[in-house]
C-alpha atoms as a PDB file:
ATOM      1  CA  MET A   1       0.057  -0.024  -0.031  1.00  0.00           C
ATOM      2  CA  LEU A   2       1.242   3.445  -0.854  1.00  0.00           C
ATOM      3  CA  ASN A   3       1.605   6.234   1.699  1.00  0.00           C
ATOM      4  CA  CYS A   4       2.823   9.788   1.802  1.00  0.00           C
ATOM      5  CA  GLN A   5       6.310   8.586   2.702  1.00  0.00           C
ATOM      6  CA  SER A   6       6.528   7.036  -0.808  1.00  0.00           C
ATOM      7  CA  TYR A   7       6.319  10.473  -2.418  1.00  0.00           C
ATOM      8  CA  PRO A   8       8.160  12.981  -0.228  1.00  0.00           C
ATOM      9  CA  GLU A   9       8.352  15.679  -2.974  1.00  0.00           C
ATOM     10  CA  THR A  10       4.622  15.502  -3.571  1.00  0.00           C
ATOM     11  CA  LEU A  11       3.889  15.675   0.157  1.00  0.00           C
ATOM     12  CA  SER A  12       6.278  18.732   0.432  1.00  0.00           C
ATOM     13  CA  GLN A  13       4.447  20.479  -2.494  1.00  0.00           C
ATOM     14  CA  ILE A  14       1.048  19.819  -0.901  1.00  0.00           C
ATOM     15  CA  LEU A  15       2.177  21.138   2.513  1.00  0.00           C
ATOM     16  CA  ASN A  16       3.592  24.321   0.841  1.00  0.00           C
ATOM     17  CA  ILE A  17       0.295  24.837  -1.129  1.00  0.00           C
ATOM     18  CA  GLN A  18      -1.714  24.365   2.150  1.00  0.00           C
ATOM     19  CA  GLN A  19       0.487  26.778   4.014  1.00  0.00           C
ATOM     20  CA  ALA A  20       0.329  29.449   1.308  1.00  0.00           C
ATOM     21  CA  LEU A  21      -3.412  29.118   1.068  1.00  0.00           C
ATOM     22  CA  SER A  22      -3.847  29.351   4.811  1.00  0.00           C
ATOM     23  CA  GLN A  23      -1.885  32.563   4.867  1.00  0.00           C
ATOM     24  CA  LYS A  24      -3.559  34.248   1.896  1.00  0.00           C
ATOM     25  CA  PRO A  25      -6.590  32.204   0.772  1.00  0.00           C
ATOM     26  CA  GLU A  26      -7.514  34.821  -1.817  1.00  0.00           C
ATOM     27  CA  ASP A  27      -4.046  34.473  -3.668  1.00  0.00           C
ATOM     28  CA  LEU A  28      -4.382  31.526  -5.892  1.00  0.00           C
ATOM     29  CA  GLU A  29      -1.121  32.100  -7.757  1.00  0.00           C
ATOM     30  CA  ILE A  30       0.497  28.952  -6.215  1.00  0.00           C
ATOM     31  CA  LEU A  31      -2.125  26.977  -7.920  1.00  0.00           C
ATOM     32  CA  GLY A  32      -1.494  28.546 -11.259  1.00  0.00           C
ATOM     33  CA  LEU A  33      -5.137  29.543 -11.615  1.00  0.00           C
ATOM     34  CA  LYS A  34      -5.669  32.010 -14.540  1.00  0.00           C
ATOM     35  CA  CYS A  35      -8.649  34.358 -14.681  1.00  0.00           C
ATOM     36  CA  TYR A  36     -10.500  34.003 -17.900  1.00  0.00           C
ATOM     37  CA  LEU A  37     -11.542  37.597 -17.918  1.00  0.00           C
ATOM     38  CA  CYS A  38      -8.266  39.351 -17.459  1.00  0.00           C
ATOM     39  CA  GLU A  39      -6.039  36.357 -18.187  1.00  0.00           C
ATOM     40  CA  ARG A  40      -3.824  37.114 -15.219  1.00  0.00           C
ATOM     41  CA  VAL A  41      -2.708  34.349 -12.825  1.00  0.00           C
ATOM     42  CA  GLY A  42      -3.662  34.285  -9.147  1.00  0.00           C
ATOM     43  CA  HIS A  43      -7.383  34.786  -8.975  1.00  0.00           C
ATOM     44  CA  MET A  44     -10.632  33.446 -10.351  1.00  0.00           C
ATOM     45  CA  ALA A  45     -13.016  35.572 -12.542  1.00  0.00           C
ATOM     46  CA  ILE A  46     -15.525  35.851  -9.857  1.00  0.00           C
ATOM     47  CA  HIS A  47     -12.905  37.846  -7.805  1.00  0.00           C
ATOM     48  CA  CYS A  48     -11.495  39.796 -10.801  1.00  0.00           C
ATOM     49  CA  GLU A  49     -11.442  43.544 -10.500  1.00  0.00           C
ATOM     50  CA  ASN A  50     -12.820  43.590 -14.039  1.00  0.00           C
ATOM     51  CA  TYR A  51     -15.803  41.354 -13.099  1.00  0.00           C
ATOM     52  CA  CYS A  52     -18.232  44.323 -12.684  1.00  0.00           C
ATOM     53  CA  MET A  53     -17.710  45.155 -16.420  1.00  0.00           C
ATOM     54  CA  PHE A  54     -18.730  41.579 -17.407  1.00  0.00           C
ATOM     55  CA  LYS A  55     -21.231  40.592 -14.739  1.00  0.00           C
ATOM     56  CA  GLY A  56     -24.326  39.524 -16.420  1.00  0.00           C
ATOM     57  CA  ASN A  57     -22.843  40.338 -19.681  1.00  0.00           C
ATOM     58  CA  ILE A  58     -20.306  37.455 -20.092  1.00  0.00           C
ATOM     59  CA  GLU A  59     -22.462  35.695 -22.891  1.00  0.00           C
ATOM     60  CA  ALA A  60     -22.741  39.044 -24.782  1.00  0.00           C
ATOM     61  CA  GLN A  61     -19.031  39.527 -24.615  1.00  0.00           C
ATOM     62  CA  ALA A  62     -18.304  36.052 -25.848  1.00  0.00           C
ATOM     63  CA  ILE A  63     -20.703  36.539 -28.765  1.00  0.00           C
ATOM     64  CA  GLU A  64     -19.151  39.942 -29.639  1.00  0.00           C
ATOM     65  CA  SER A  65     -15.626  38.230 -29.606  1.00  0.00           C
ATOM     66  CA  LEU A  66     -16.871  35.591 -31.894  1.00  0.00           C
ATOM     67  CA  HIS A  67     -18.319  38.119 -34.232  1.00  0.00           C
ATOM     68  CA  LEU A  68     -15.029  40.051 -34.364  1.00  0.00           C
ATOM     69  CA  LEU A  69     -13.118  36.797 -35.035  1.00  0.00           C
ATOM     70  CA  GLU A  70     -15.511  35.794 -37.771  1.00  0.00           C
ATOM     71  CA  GLU A  71     -15.062  39.252 -39.463  1.00  0.00           C
ATOM     72  CA  ALA A  72     -11.263  38.948 -39.204  1.00  0.00           C
ATOM     73  CA  ILE A  73     -11.413  35.612 -40.942  1.00  0.00           C
ATOM     74  CA  ARG A  74     -13.691  36.901 -43.583  1.00  0.00           C
ATOM     75  CA  ARG A  75     -11.157  39.774 -44.272  1.00  0.00           C
ATOM     76  CA  GLN A  76      -8.338  37.302 -44.595  1.00  0.00           C
ATOM     77  CA  VAL A  77     -10.273  35.108 -47.006  1.00  0.00           C
ATOM     78  CA  ARG A  78     -11.127  38.225 -49.107  1.00  0.00           C
ATOM     79  CA  GLN A  79      -7.491  39.246 -49.133  1.00  0.00           C
ATOM     80  CA  ARG A  80      -6.241  35.801 -50.138  1.00  0.00           C
ATOM     81  CA  THR A  81      -8.911  35.480 -52.785  1.00  0.00           C
ATOM     82  CA  SER A  82      -7.897  38.923 -54.228  1.00  0.00           C
ATOM     83  CA  HIS A  83      -4.228  37.903 -54.060  1.00  0.00           C
ATOM     84  CA  HIS A  84      -4.783  34.593 -55.832  1.00  0.00           C
ATOM     85  CA  LYS A  85      -6.869  36.449 -58.580  1.00  0.00           C
ATOM     86  CA  ILE A  86      -4.109  38.949 -59.240  1.00  0.00           C
ATOM     87  CA  MET A  87      -1.536  36.098 -59.292  1.00  0.00           C
ATOM     88  CA  ARG A  88      -3.534  34.238 -61.953  1.00  0.00           C
ATOM     89  CA  GLU A  89      -3.799  37.345 -64.139  1.00  0.00           C
ATOM     90  CA  ILE A  90       0.022  37.819 -64.145  1.00  0.00           C
END
């Protein structure tokens, strides 16, 4: 049967994480958590300083981002199509 003595490095990491979180429970940097709103490490979106800008509006923000991405893709396709048309004429 395995026990914590079998993996001393893992036990040490767990104890370091527990200690860090007990001292500053709001600081999640040690876990490597990344906020999906501001993309900074150390907190969750619900605790993000930018949360008030997105609260209740996250779906609308996601849809707007998708529309912007779709438009950028359409522009690239038009540019490539124009380029290929010009190259065929040469």
